[in-house]
C-alpha atoms as a PDB file:
ATOM      1  CA  MET A   1      58.690  42.260  -5.458  1.00  0.00           C
ATOM      2  CA  TRP A   2      60.942  39.222  -5.335  1.00  0.00           C
ATOM      3  CA  THR A   3      64.200  41.109  -4.599  1.00  0.00           C
ATOM      4  CA  VAL A   4      63.541  41.819  -0.908  1.00  0.00           C
ATOM      5  CA  PRO A   5      62.868  38.176   0.112  1.00  0.00           C
ATOM      6  CA  ILE A   6      65.845  36.966  -1.950  1.00  0.00           C
ATOM      7  CA  ASP A   7      68.147  39.534  -0.388  1.00  0.00           C
ATOM      8  CA  LEU A   8      66.959  38.463   3.063  1.00  0.00           C
ATOM      9  CA  LEU A   9      67.632  34.788   2.315  1.00  0.00           C
ATOM     10  CA  LEU A  10      71.123  35.579   0.994  1.00  0.00           C
ATOM     11  CA  GLY A  11      71.821  37.719   4.044  1.00  0.00           C
ATOM     12  CA  LEU A  12      71.261  34.712   6.301  1.00  0.00           C
ATOM     13  CA  GLU A  13      74.431  33.135   4.846  1.00  0.00           C
ATOM     14  CA  LEU A  14      72.946  29.607   4.899  1.00  0.00           C
ATOM     15  CA  GLU A  15      74.162  26.638   2.922  1.00  0.00           C
ATOM     16  CA  LEU A  16      73.094  26.422  -0.701  1.00  0.00           C
ATOM     17  CA  LEU A  17      70.483  23.645  -0.338  1.00  0.00           C
ATOM     18  CA  PRO A  18      68.615  25.194   2.629  1.00  0.00           C
ATOM     19  CA  THR A  19      68.597  28.523   0.818  1.00  0.00           C
ATOM     20  CA  ILE A  20      67.077  26.961  -2.310  1.00  0.00           C
ATOM     21  CA  GLY A  21      64.503  25.090  -0.190  1.00  0.00           C
ATOM     22  CA  LEU A  22      63.365  28.251   1.574  1.00  0.00           C
ATOM     23  CA  LEU A  23      63.164  30.091  -1.727  1.00  0.00           C
ATOM     24  CA  VAL A  24      60.993  27.394  -3.346  1.00  0.00           C
ATOM     25  CA  GLY A  25      58.720  27.351  -0.304  1.00  0.00           C
ATOM     26  CA  TYR A  26      58.335  31.119  -0.470  1.00  0.00           C
ATOM     27  CA  LEU A  27      57.443  31.031  -4.165  1.00  0.00           C
ATOM     28  CA  LEU A  28      54.800  28.294  -3.649  1.00  0.00           C
ATOM     29  CA  THR A  29      53.237  30.153  -0.717  1.00  0.00           C
ATOM     30  CA  ALA A  30      53.066  33.365  -2.708  1.00  0.00           C
ATOM     31  CA  ALA A  31      51.423  31.602  -5.642  1.00  0.00           C
ATOM     32  CA  LEU A  32      48.763  30.011  -3.401  1.00  0.00           C
ATOM     33  CA  LEU A  33      48.002  33.327  -1.710  1.00  0.00           C
ATOM     34  CA  ARG A  34      47.487  34.972  -5.072  1.00  0.00           C
ATOM     35  CA  ARG A  35      44.979  32.236  -6.119  1.00  0.00           C
ATOM     36  CA  ALA A  36      43.114  32.079  -2.804  1.00  0.00           C
ATOM     37  CA  PRO A  37      40.559  34.856  -3.527  1.00  0.00           C
ATOM     38  CA  LYS A  38      39.637  33.208  -6.837  1.00  0.00           C
ATOM     39  CA  ILE A  39      39.242  29.747  -5.249  1.00  0.00           C
ATOM     40  CA  VAL A  40      37.047  31.137  -2.467  1.00  0.00           C
ATOM     41  CA  GLY A  41      34.958  33.080  -4.978  1.00  0.00           C
ATOM     42  CA  ASP A  42      34.534  30.073  -7.221  1.00  0.00           C
ATOM     43  CA  ARG A  43      33.483  27.943  -4.227  1.00  0.00           C
ATOM     44  CA  LEU A  44      30.937  30.511  -3.123  1.00  0.00           C
ATOM     45  CA  ARG A  45      29.524  30.723  -6.627  1.00  0.00           C
ATOM     46  CA  PHE A  46      29.408  26.914  -6.847  1.00  0.00           C
ATOM     47  CA  ASP A  47      27.657  26.593  -3.493  1.00  0.00           C
ATOM     48  CA  ARG A  48      25.210  29.318  -4.456  1.00  0.00           C
ATOM     49  CA  CYS A  49      24.511  27.534  -7.735  1.00  0.00           C
ATOM     50  CA  ARG A  50      23.887  24.240  -5.952  1.00  0.00           C
ATOM     51  CA  TRP A  51      21.524  25.946  -3.508  1.00  0.00           C
ATOM     52  CA  LEU A  52      19.594  27.596  -6.326  1.00  0.00           C
ATOM     53  CA  LYS A  53      19.343  24.273  -8.153  1.00  0.00           C
ATOM     54  CA  ARG A  54      18.008  22.633  -4.991  1.00  0.00           C
ATOM     55  CA  VAL A  55      15.426  25.380  -4.543  1.00  0.00           C
ATOM     56  CA  GLY A  56      14.436  25.089  -8.192  1.00  0.00           C
ATOM     57  CA  ALA A  57      14.009  21.343  -7.883  1.00  0.00           C
ATOM     58  CA  LEU A  58      11.740  21.821  -4.875  1.00  0.00           C
ATOM     59  CA  MET A  59       9.669  24.372  -6.777  1.00  0.00           C
ATOM     60  CA  ARG A  60       9.347  22.028  -9.748  1.00  0.00           C
ATOM     61  CA  ARG A  61       8.393  19.041  -7.606  1.00  0.00           C
ATOM     62  CA  ASP A  62       4.880  17.794  -8.259  1.00  0.00           C
ATOM     63  CA  PRO A  63       2.358  18.469  -5.486  1.00  0.00           C
ATOM     64  CA  PRO A  64       1.608  15.490  -3.209  1.00  0.00           C
ATOM     65  CA  GLN A  65      -0.966  13.152  -4.672  1.00  0.00           C
ATOM     66  CA  ILE A  66      -4.118  12.458  -2.683  1.00  0.00           C
ATOM     67  CA  PRO A  67      -4.756   8.676  -2.590  1.00  0.00           C
ATOM     68  CA  GLU A  68      -7.789   7.438  -4.482  1.00  0.00           C
ATOM     69  CA  TRP A  69      -9.362   4.940  -2.130  1.00  0.00           C
ATOM     70  CA  PRO A  70     -11.139   1.978  -3.794  1.00  0.00           C
ATOM     71  CA  HIS A  71     -14.868   2.261  -4.287  1.00  0.00           C
ATOM     72  CA  GLY A  72     -16.907   1.003  -1.356  1.00  0.00           C
ATOM     73  CA  THR A  73     -14.137   1.244   1.239  1.00  0.00           C
ATOM     74  CA  PHE A  74     -14.781   3.181   4.419  1.00  0.00           C
ATOM     75  CA  LEU A  75     -12.263   5.922   3.617  1.00  0.00           C
ATOM     76  CA  GLN A  76     -13.774   6.391   0.154  1.00  0.00           C
ATOM     77  CA  ARG A  77     -17.187   6.931   1.710  1.00  0.00           C
ATOM     78  CA  LEU A  78     -16.005   9.822   3.900  1.00  0.00           C
ATOM     79  CA  GLY A  79     -15.511  13.452   3.003  1.00  0.00           C
ATOM     80  CA  PRO A  80     -11.943  14.838   3.036  1.00  0.00           C
ATOM     81  CA  PRO A  81     -12.119  16.570   6.476  1.00  0.00           C
ATOM     82  CA  VAL A  82     -13.690  13.538   8.179  1.00  0.00           C
ATOM     83  CA  ARG A  83     -11.261  11.200   6.424  1.00  0.00           C
ATOM     84  CA  ALA A  84      -8.310  13.274   7.619  1.00  0.00           C
ATOM     85  CA  ALA A  85      -9.630  13.184  11.190  1.00  0.00           C
ATOM     86  CA  LEU A  86      -9.968   9.390  11.056  1.00  0.00           C
ATOM     87  CA  LEU A  87      -6.448   8.952   9.708  1.00  0.00           C
ATOM     88  CA  GLU A  88      -5.084  10.845  12.703  1.00  0.00           C
ATOM     89  CA  LEU A  89      -6.735   8.617  15.313  1.00  0.00           C
ATOM     90  CA  GLY A  90      -4.478   5.571  15.281  1.00  0.00           C
ATOM     91  CA  VAL A  91      -0.885   4.423  15.513  1.00  0.00           C
ATOM     92  CA  ARG A  92       0.599   3.430  12.170  1.00  0.00           C
ATOM     93  CA  ARG A  93       2.348   0.121  11.658  1.00  0.00           C
ATOM     94  CA  ARG A  94       3.905  -1.837   8.799  1.00  0.00           C
ATOM     95  CA  VAL A  95       3.914  -5.615   8.492  1.00  0.00           C
ATOM     96  CA  PRO A  96       5.261  -8.144   5.973  1.00  0.00           C
ATOM     97  CA  ALA A  97       3.213 -10.706   4.070  1.00  0.00           C
ATOM     98  CA  GLY A  98       1.684 -13.417   6.242  1.00  0.00           C
ATOM     99  CA  GLN A  99       1.432 -11.278   9.370  1.00  0.00           C
ATOM    100  CA  ILE A 100      -1.818 -11.741  11.304  1.00  0.00           C
ATOM    101  CA  LEU A 101      -3.472  -8.450  12.210  1.00  0.00           C
ATOM    102  CA  ILE A 102      -6.474  -9.868  14.065  1.00  0.00           C
ATOM    103  CA  HIS A 103      -6.769 -13.310  15.675  1.00  0.00           C
ATOM    104  CA  GLU A 104     -10.101 -15.100  15.699  1.00  0.00           C
ATOM    105  CA  GLY A 105     -11.433 -15.746  19.208  1.00  0.00           C
ATOM    106  CA  LEU A 106      -9.347 -13.134  21.018  1.00  0.00           C
ATOM    107  CA  ARG A 107     -11.166 -10.618  23.156  1.00  0.00           C
ATOM    108  CA  GLU A 108      -9.861  -7.319  21.811  1.00  0.00           C
ATOM    109  CA  SER A 109     -11.587  -4.024  21.146  1.00  0.00           C
ATOM    110  CA  HIS A 110      -9.326  -2.000  18.878  1.00  0.00           C
ATOM    111  CA  LEU A 111     -10.037  -1.442  15.186  1.00  0.00           C
ATOM    112  CA  ILE A 112      -7.686  -1.622  12.250  1.00  0.00           C
ATOM    113  CA  LEU A 113      -7.794   0.841   9.380  1.00  0.00           C
ATOM    114  CA  ILE A 114      -5.940  -0.594   6.384  1.00  0.00           C
ATOM    115  CA  GLU A 115      -4.098   2.158   4.529  1.00  0.00           C
ATOM    116  CA  ASP A 116      -2.173   0.124   1.982  1.00  0.00           C
ATOM    117  CA  GLY A 117      -2.047  -3.549   1.061  1.00  0.00           C
ATOM    118  CA  LEU A 118      -4.345  -6.540   0.675  1.00  0.00           C
ATOM    119  CA  THR A 119      -5.651  -8.655   3.549  1.00  0.00           C
ATOM    120  CA  LYS A 120      -7.860 -11.721   3.728  1.00  0.00           C
ATOM    121  CA  VAL A 121     -10.516 -12.458   6.335  1.00  0.00           C
ATOM    122  CA  THR A 122     -10.776 -16.135   7.299  1.00  0.00           C
ATOM    123  CA  ALA A 123     -12.614 -18.244   9.862  1.00  0.00           C
ATOM    124  CA  ALA A 124     -11.971 -21.737  11.186  1.00  0.00           C
ATOM    125  CA  LEU A 125     -14.471 -24.463  10.256  1.00  0.00           C
ATOM    126  CA  ALA A 126     -15.556 -27.343  12.475  1.00  0.00           C
ATOM    127  CA  ASP A 127     -13.723 -29.883  10.283  1.00  0.00           C
ATOM    128  CA  GLY A 128     -10.411 -28.073  10.702  1.00  0.00           C
ATOM    129  CA  ARG A 129     -10.432 -26.268   7.353  1.00  0.00           C
ATOM    130  CA  THR A 130     -10.249 -22.508   6.951  1.00  0.00           C
ATOM    131  CA  ALA A 131     -12.947 -20.574   5.133  1.00  0.00           C
ATOM    132  CA  LEU A 132     -12.070 -17.429   3.203  1.00  0.00           C
ATOM    133  CA  LEU A 133     -14.823 -14.959   4.067  1.00  0.00           C
ATOM    134  CA  SER A 134     -13.721 -11.813   2.273  1.00  0.00           C
ATOM    135  CA  LEU A 135     -10.846  -9.632   1.126  1.00  0.00           C
ATOM    136  CA  ARG A 136     -10.016  -6.190   2.473  1.00  0.00           C
ATOM    137  CA  VAL A 137      -7.849  -3.518   0.826  1.00  0.00           C
ATOM    138  CA  GLY A 138      -6.469  -0.066   1.580  1.00  0.00           C
ATOM    139  CA  GLY A 139      -9.270   2.155   2.858  1.00  0.00           C
ATOM    140  CA  ASP A 140     -11.154  -0.691   4.534  1.00  0.00           C
ATOM    141  CA  LEU A 141     -11.985  -0.891   8.213  1.00  0.00           C
ATOM    142  CA  VAL A 142     -11.753  -4.264  10.009  1.00  0.00           C
ATOM    143  CA  GLY A 143     -12.451  -5.309  13.572  1.00  0.00           C
ATOM    144  CA  GLU A 144     -15.360  -2.905  13.962  1.00  0.00           C
ATOM    145  CA  MET A 145     -17.743  -5.575  15.327  1.00  0.00           C
ATOM    146  CA  SER A 146     -15.659  -6.335  18.425  1.00  0.00           C
ATOM    147  CA  ALA A 147     -15.022  -2.620  18.916  1.00  0.00           C
ATOM    148  CA  LEU A 148     -18.736  -1.884  19.044  1.00  0.00           C
ATOM    149  CA  ASN A 149     -20.153  -4.948  20.871  1.00  0.00           C
ATOM    150  CA  ASP A 150     -17.184  -6.014  23.065  1.00  0.00           C
ATOM    151  CA  GLN A 151     -17.396  -9.604  21.787  1.00  0.00           C
ATOM    152  CA  PRO A 152     -14.438 -11.843  20.809  1.00  0.00           C
ATOM    153  CA  ARG A 153     -13.053 -11.602  17.306  1.00  0.00           C
ATOM    154  CA  SER A 154     -15.219 -13.484  14.815  1.00  0.00           C
ATOM    155  CA  ALA A 155     -12.489 -13.947  12.174  1.00  0.00           C
ATOM    156  CA  THR A 156      -8.767 -13.752  11.491  1.00  0.00           C
ATOM    157  CA  VAL A 157      -7.319 -11.000   9.321  1.00  0.00           C
ATOM    158  CA  THR A 158      -4.005 -11.761   7.594  1.00  0.00           C
ATOM    159  CA  ALA A 159      -1.838  -9.601   5.337  1.00  0.00           C
ATOM    160  CA  CYS A 160      -1.519 -11.150   1.861  1.00  0.00           C
ATOM    161  CA  GLY A 161       1.458  -8.893   1.100  1.00  0.00           C
ATOM    162  CA  PRO A 162       3.322  -6.012   2.754  1.00  0.00           C
ATOM    163  CA  ALA A 163       0.724  -3.805   4.429  1.00  0.00           C
ATOM    164  CA  ARG A 164       0.450  -0.512   6.258  1.00  0.00           C
ATOM    165  CA  TYR A 165      -2.369   0.094   8.726  1.00  0.00           C
ATOM    166  CA  SER A 166      -3.459   2.087  11.762  1.00  0.00           C
ATOM    167  CA  VAL A 167      -4.501   0.654  15.128  1.00  0.00           C
ATOM    168  CA  ILE A 168      -7.378   2.708  16.550  1.00  0.00           C
ATOM    169  CA  PRO A 169      -8.537   2.267  20.178  1.00  0.00           C
ATOM    170  CA  SER A 170     -12.266   1.653  20.461  1.00  0.00           C
ATOM    171  CA  ASP A 171     -12.872   4.575  22.828  1.00  0.00           C
ATOM    172  CA  ARG A 172     -11.257   7.016  20.397  1.00  0.00           C
ATOM    173  CA  PHE A 173     -13.277   5.561  17.511  1.00  0.00           C
ATOM    174  CA  ARG A 174     -16.533   5.898  19.437  1.00  0.00           C
ATOM    175  CA  ALA A 175     -15.722   9.506  20.263  1.00  0.00           C
ATOM    176  CA  PHE A 176     -14.943  10.038  16.574  1.00  0.00           C
ATOM    177  CA  LEU A 177     -18.363   8.662  15.568  1.00  0.00           C
ATOM    178  CA  LYS A 178     -20.113  10.921  18.110  1.00  0.00           C
ATOM    179  CA  GLY A 179     -18.318  13.940  16.730  1.00  0.00           C
ATOM    180  CA  HIS A 180     -18.921  12.977  13.090  1.00  0.00           C
ATOM    181  CA  PRO A 181     -22.493  11.683  12.600  1.00  0.00           C
ATOM    182  CA  ASP A 182     -21.918  11.327   8.845  1.00  0.00           C
ATOM    183  CA  ALA A 183     -19.156   8.806   9.536  1.00  0.00           C
ATOM    184  CA  ALA A 184     -21.522   6.835  11.788  1.00  0.00           C
ATOM    185  CA  LEU A 185     -24.060   6.665   8.957  1.00  0.00           C
ATOM    186  CA  GLU A 186     -21.397   5.531   6.511  1.00  0.00           C
ATOM    187  CA  LEU A 187     -20.262   2.877   8.963  1.00  0.00           C
ATOM    188  CA  ALA A 188     -23.836   1.563   9.135  1.00  0.00           C
ATOM    189  CA  ALA A 189     -24.005   1.559   5.322  1.00  0.00           C
ATOM    190  CA  MET A 190     -20.703  -0.332   5.113  1.00  0.00           C
ATOM    191  CA  VAL A 191     -21.882  -2.991   7.573  1.00  0.00           C
ATOM    192  CA  SER A 192     -25.140  -3.268   5.604  1.00  0.00           C
ATOM    193  CA  ASP A 193     -23.251  -3.807   2.348  1.00  0.00           C
ATOM    194  CA  ARG A 194     -21.132  -6.520   3.918  1.00  0.00           C
ATOM    195  CA  LEU A 195     -24.226  -8.261   5.282  1.00  0.00           C
ATOM    196  CA  ARG A 196     -25.856  -8.100   1.852  1.00  0.00           C
ATOM    197  CA  TRP A 197     -22.703  -9.590   0.311  1.00  0.00           C
ATOM    198  CA  SER A 198     -22.756 -12.455   2.834  1.00  0.00           C
ATOM    199  CA  ASN A 199     -26.437 -13.133   2.183  1.00  0.00           C
ATOM    200  CA  ARG A 200     -25.774 -13.187  -1.561  1.00  0.00           C
ATOM    201  CA  ARG A 201     -23.030 -15.769  -1.040  1.00  0.00           C
ATOM    202  CA  ARG A 202     -25.440 -17.999   0.902  1.00  0.00           C
ATOM    203  CA  ILE A 203     -28.009 -17.714  -1.888  1.00  0.00           C
ATOM    204  CA  ASP A 204     -25.368 -18.510  -4.466  1.00  0.00           C
ATOM    205  CA  PHE A 205     -24.360 -21.638  -2.577  1.00  0.00           C
ATOM    206  CA  THR A 206     -27.885 -23.044  -2.712  1.00  0.00           C
ATOM    207  CA  SER A 207     -29.171 -21.622  -6.011  1.00  0.00           C
ATOM    208  CA  TYR A 208     -26.365 -21.952  -8.551  1.00  0.00           C
ATOM    209  CA  PRO A 209     -24.056 -24.722  -9.718  1.00  0.00           C
ATOM    210  CA  VAL A 210     -20.362 -24.427  -8.975  1.00  0.00           C
ATOM    211  CA  THR A 211     -19.305 -23.001 -12.364  1.00  0.00           C
ATOM    212  CA  ILE A 212     -21.777 -20.131 -12.071  1.00  0.00           C
ATOM    213  CA  ARG A 213     -20.649 -19.474  -8.502  1.00  0.00           C
ATOM    214  CA  VAL A 214     -17.032 -19.334  -9.642  1.00  0.00           C
ATOM    215  CA  ALA A 215     -17.950 -16.966 -12.487  1.00  0.00           C
ATOM    216  CA  ARG A 216     -19.773 -14.671 -10.063  1.00  0.00           C
ATOM    217  CA  VAL A 217     -16.898 -14.583  -7.574  1.00  0.00           C
ATOM    218  CA  VAL A 218     -14.260 -14.031 -10.276  1.00  0.00           C
ATOM    219  CA  ALA A 219     -16.315 -11.248 -11.845  1.00  0.00           C
ATOM    220  CA  GLU A 220     -16.635  -9.565  -8.463  1.00  0.00           C
ATOM    221  CA  LEU A 221     -12.904  -9.906  -7.794  1.00  0.00           C
ATOM    222  CA  SER A 222     -12.165  -8.312 -11.166  1.00  0.00           C
ATOM    223  CA  ARG A 223     -14.329  -5.355 -10.177  1.00  0.00           C
ATOM    224  CA  THR A 224     -12.884  -4.868  -6.702  1.00  0.00           C
ATOM    225  CA  HIS A 225      -9.284  -6.035  -7.092  1.00  0.00           C
ATOM    226  CA  GLY A 226      -8.585  -6.036 -10.837  1.00  0.00           C
ATOM    227  CA  ARG A 227      -6.433  -3.806 -13.005  1.00  0.00           C
ATOM    228  CA  GLN A 228      -6.811  -3.272 -16.723  1.00  0.00           C
ATOM    229  CA  ALA A 229      -4.013  -4.770 -18.812  1.00  0.00           C
ATOM    230  CA  ALA A 230      -3.393  -5.409 -22.494  1.00  0.00           C
ATOM    231  CA  GLY A 231      -4.881  -8.910 -22.425  1.00  0.00           C
ATOM    232  CA  GLY A 232      -7.780  -8.244 -20.073  1.00  0.00           C
ATOM    233  CA  VAL A 233      -8.368  -7.588 -16.388  1.00  0.00           C
ATOM    234  CA  VAL A 234      -5.611  -8.948 -14.162  1.00  0.00           C
ATOM    235  CA  ILE A 235      -6.743  -9.927 -10.668  1.00  0.00           C
ATOM    236  CA  ASP A 236      -3.819  -9.178  -8.378  1.00  0.00           C
ATOM    237  CA  VAL A 237      -5.211 -11.216  -5.500  1.00  0.00           C
ATOM    238  CA  ARG A 238      -2.983 -14.223  -4.858  1.00  0.00           C
ATOM    239  CA  LEU A 239      -5.597 -16.869  -4.100  1.00  0.00           C
ATOM    240  CA  THR A 240      -4.977 -20.595  -3.905  1.00  0.00           C
ATOM    241  CA  GLN A 241      -7.571 -22.938  -5.368  1.00  0.00           C
ATOM    242  CA  SER A 242      -8.344 -24.010  -1.824  1.00  0.00           C
ATOM    243  CA  GLU A 243      -9.116 -20.413  -0.824  1.00  0.00           C
ATOM    244  CA  LEU A 244     -11.217 -19.913  -3.937  1.00  0.00           C
ATOM    245  CA  ALA A 245     -13.075 -23.122  -3.063  1.00  0.00           C
ATOM    246  CA  THR A 246     -13.963 -21.866   0.405  1.00  0.00           C
ATOM    247  CA  ILE A 247     -15.226 -18.510  -0.845  1.00  0.00           C
ATOM    248  CA  CYS A 248     -17.328 -20.286  -3.498  1.00  0.00           C
ATOM    249  CA  GLY A 249     -18.599 -22.943  -1.104  1.00  0.00           C
ATOM    250  CA  ALA A 250     -17.330 -25.849  -3.217  1.00  0.00           C
ATOM    251  CA  SER A 251     -14.708 -28.561  -3.130  1.00  0.00           C
ATOM    252  CA  GLU A 252     -11.264 -27.960  -4.564  1.00  0.00           C
ATOM    253  CA  THR A 253     -11.875 -30.635  -7.226  1.00  0.00           C
ATOM    254  CA  SER A 254     -15.026 -28.842  -8.368  1.00  0.00           C
ATOM    255  CA  ILE A 255     -13.130 -25.542  -8.532  1.00  0.00           C
ATOM    256  CA  GLN A 256     -10.452 -27.106 -10.736  1.00  0.00           C
ATOM    257  CA  LYS A 257     -13.132 -28.411 -13.109  1.00  0.00           C
ATOM    258  CA  SER A 258     -14.938 -25.049 -13.238  1.00  0.00           C
ATOM    259  CA  LEU A 259     -11.743 -23.118 -13.925  1.00  0.00           C
ATOM    260  CA  ARG A 260     -10.949 -25.517 -16.743  1.00  0.00           C
ATOM    261  CA  GLU A 261     -14.370 -24.822 -18.254  1.00  0.00           C
ATOM    262  CA  LEU A 262     -13.811 -21.059 -18.003  1.00  0.00           C
ATOM    263  CA  ARG A 263     -10.433 -21.428 -19.715  1.00  0.00           C
ATOM    264  CA  ASN A 264     -11.947 -23.540 -22.491  1.00  0.00           C
ATOM    265  CA  GLU A 265     -14.572 -20.826 -23.052  1.00  0.00           C
ATOM    266  CA  ALA A 266     -11.744 -18.244 -23.332  1.00  0.00           C
ATOM    267  CA  LEU A 267     -13.247 -16.320 -20.428  1.00  0.00           C
ATOM    268  CA  VAL A 268     -10.234 -16.469 -18.099  1.00  0.00           C
ATOM    269  CA  ASP A 269      -6.580 -17.466 -18.011  1.00  0.00           C
ATOM    270  CA  THR A 270      -5.002 -18.831 -14.857  1.00  0.00           C
ATOM    271  CA  ASP A 271      -1.398 -18.783 -13.753  1.00  0.00           C
ATOM    272  CA  TYR A 272       0.327 -19.437 -10.450  1.00  0.00           C
ATOM    273  CA  ARG A 273      -2.036 -17.717  -7.994  1.00  0.00           C
ATOM    274  CA  ARG A 274      -2.990 -15.165 -10.652  1.00  0.00           C
ATOM    275  CA  MET A 275      -5.996 -14.909 -12.890  1.00  0.00           C
ATOM    276  CA  THR A 276      -6.694 -12.782 -15.969  1.00  0.00           C
ATOM    277  CA  VAL A 277     -10.257 -12.181 -17.119  1.00  0.00           C
ATOM    278  CA  ARG A 278     -10.231 -12.186 -20.931  1.00  0.00           C
ATOM    279  CA  ASP A 279     -13.959 -11.599 -21.467  1.00  0.00           C
ATOM    280  CA  LEU A 280     -15.591  -9.829 -18.539  1.00  0.00           C
ATOM    281  CA  ASP A 281     -18.956  -9.396 -20.271  1.00  0.00           C
ATOM    282  CA  GLY A 282     -19.058 -13.083 -21.132  1.00  0.00           C
ATOM    283  CA  LEU A 283     -18.102 -13.974 -17.557  1.00  0.00           C
ATOM    284  CA  ARG A 284     -20.873 -11.786 -16.146  1.00  0.00           C
ATOM    285  CA  THR A 285     -23.369 -13.338 -18.537  1.00  0.00           C
ATOM    286  CA  LEU A 286     -22.358 -16.810 -17.439  1.00  0.00           C
ATOM    287  CA  GLY A 287     -22.618 -15.736 -13.797  1.00  0.00           C
ATOM    288  CA  ARG A 288     -26.098 -14.244 -14.419  1.00  0.00           C
ATOM    289  CA  LEU A 289     -25.015 -10.892 -13.058  1.00  0.00           C
ATOM    290  CA  ASP A 290     -26.985  -7.772 -13.894  1.00  0.00           C
ATOM    291  CA  ASP A 291     -25.615  -4.234 -13.974  1.00  0.00           C
ATOM    292  CA  GLU A 292     -26.268  -3.704 -10.263  1.00  0.00           C
ATOM    293  CA  ASN A 293     -24.172  -6.688  -9.148  1.00  0.00           C
END
């Protein structure tokens, strides 16, 4: 097969070097053409293999996990269809730590549904200090009072860490409640629970000494915001002693003394804005909490 091209090159009567160059080029081109079908076939097989691997990976992928909303939150109280309808009402947003979601005193009517993250609810005191009223986590609804009674915001809601939430217009939320009576009942139950919690705090302030108040608050935080670890229950809420003092209705000096007593009793350990409950039963006993609290 090589004789015809060689004869043609010799028949051109070119110089020696151009003739050799053309001959080498011809040989390289012929070799590439002979390998082309194999290269294309290998590439097709490789691409097909990659596609099959991708399909297999998708088939092996675990099904999406349904979030487990914390006990007592509004989303946890709802059934799956009603919960899904509520999650579709608002516009989702993400904010970093320290971002204020609701400003006390502003006349606004929208609600906020926290989907992920920890927020704190605070109110300004007459002496200029800030009182920590409560903590809200993923699944909680905040701002419902202004949405339902058209009054100014009664507190400020601030993200303690990165948070994701939905902003729901009040008119859409009211239509949602009319279309889902069960959700309206659960909203009333949630507001009732929060009122009971506030009343309990007022009773604690007048009935118990500071150490017992601290034990009761820490035990409640371990139930609502704690995670089980090797050394006990770690409370992942980053609270300053000043914030703990406002939620317990005591001075910061008294809180420091009470925490020292709890450490000496081996009930809790404290670190920078973190607390670990070493003996939850002992803490509940000290706080005079029964099984229902």
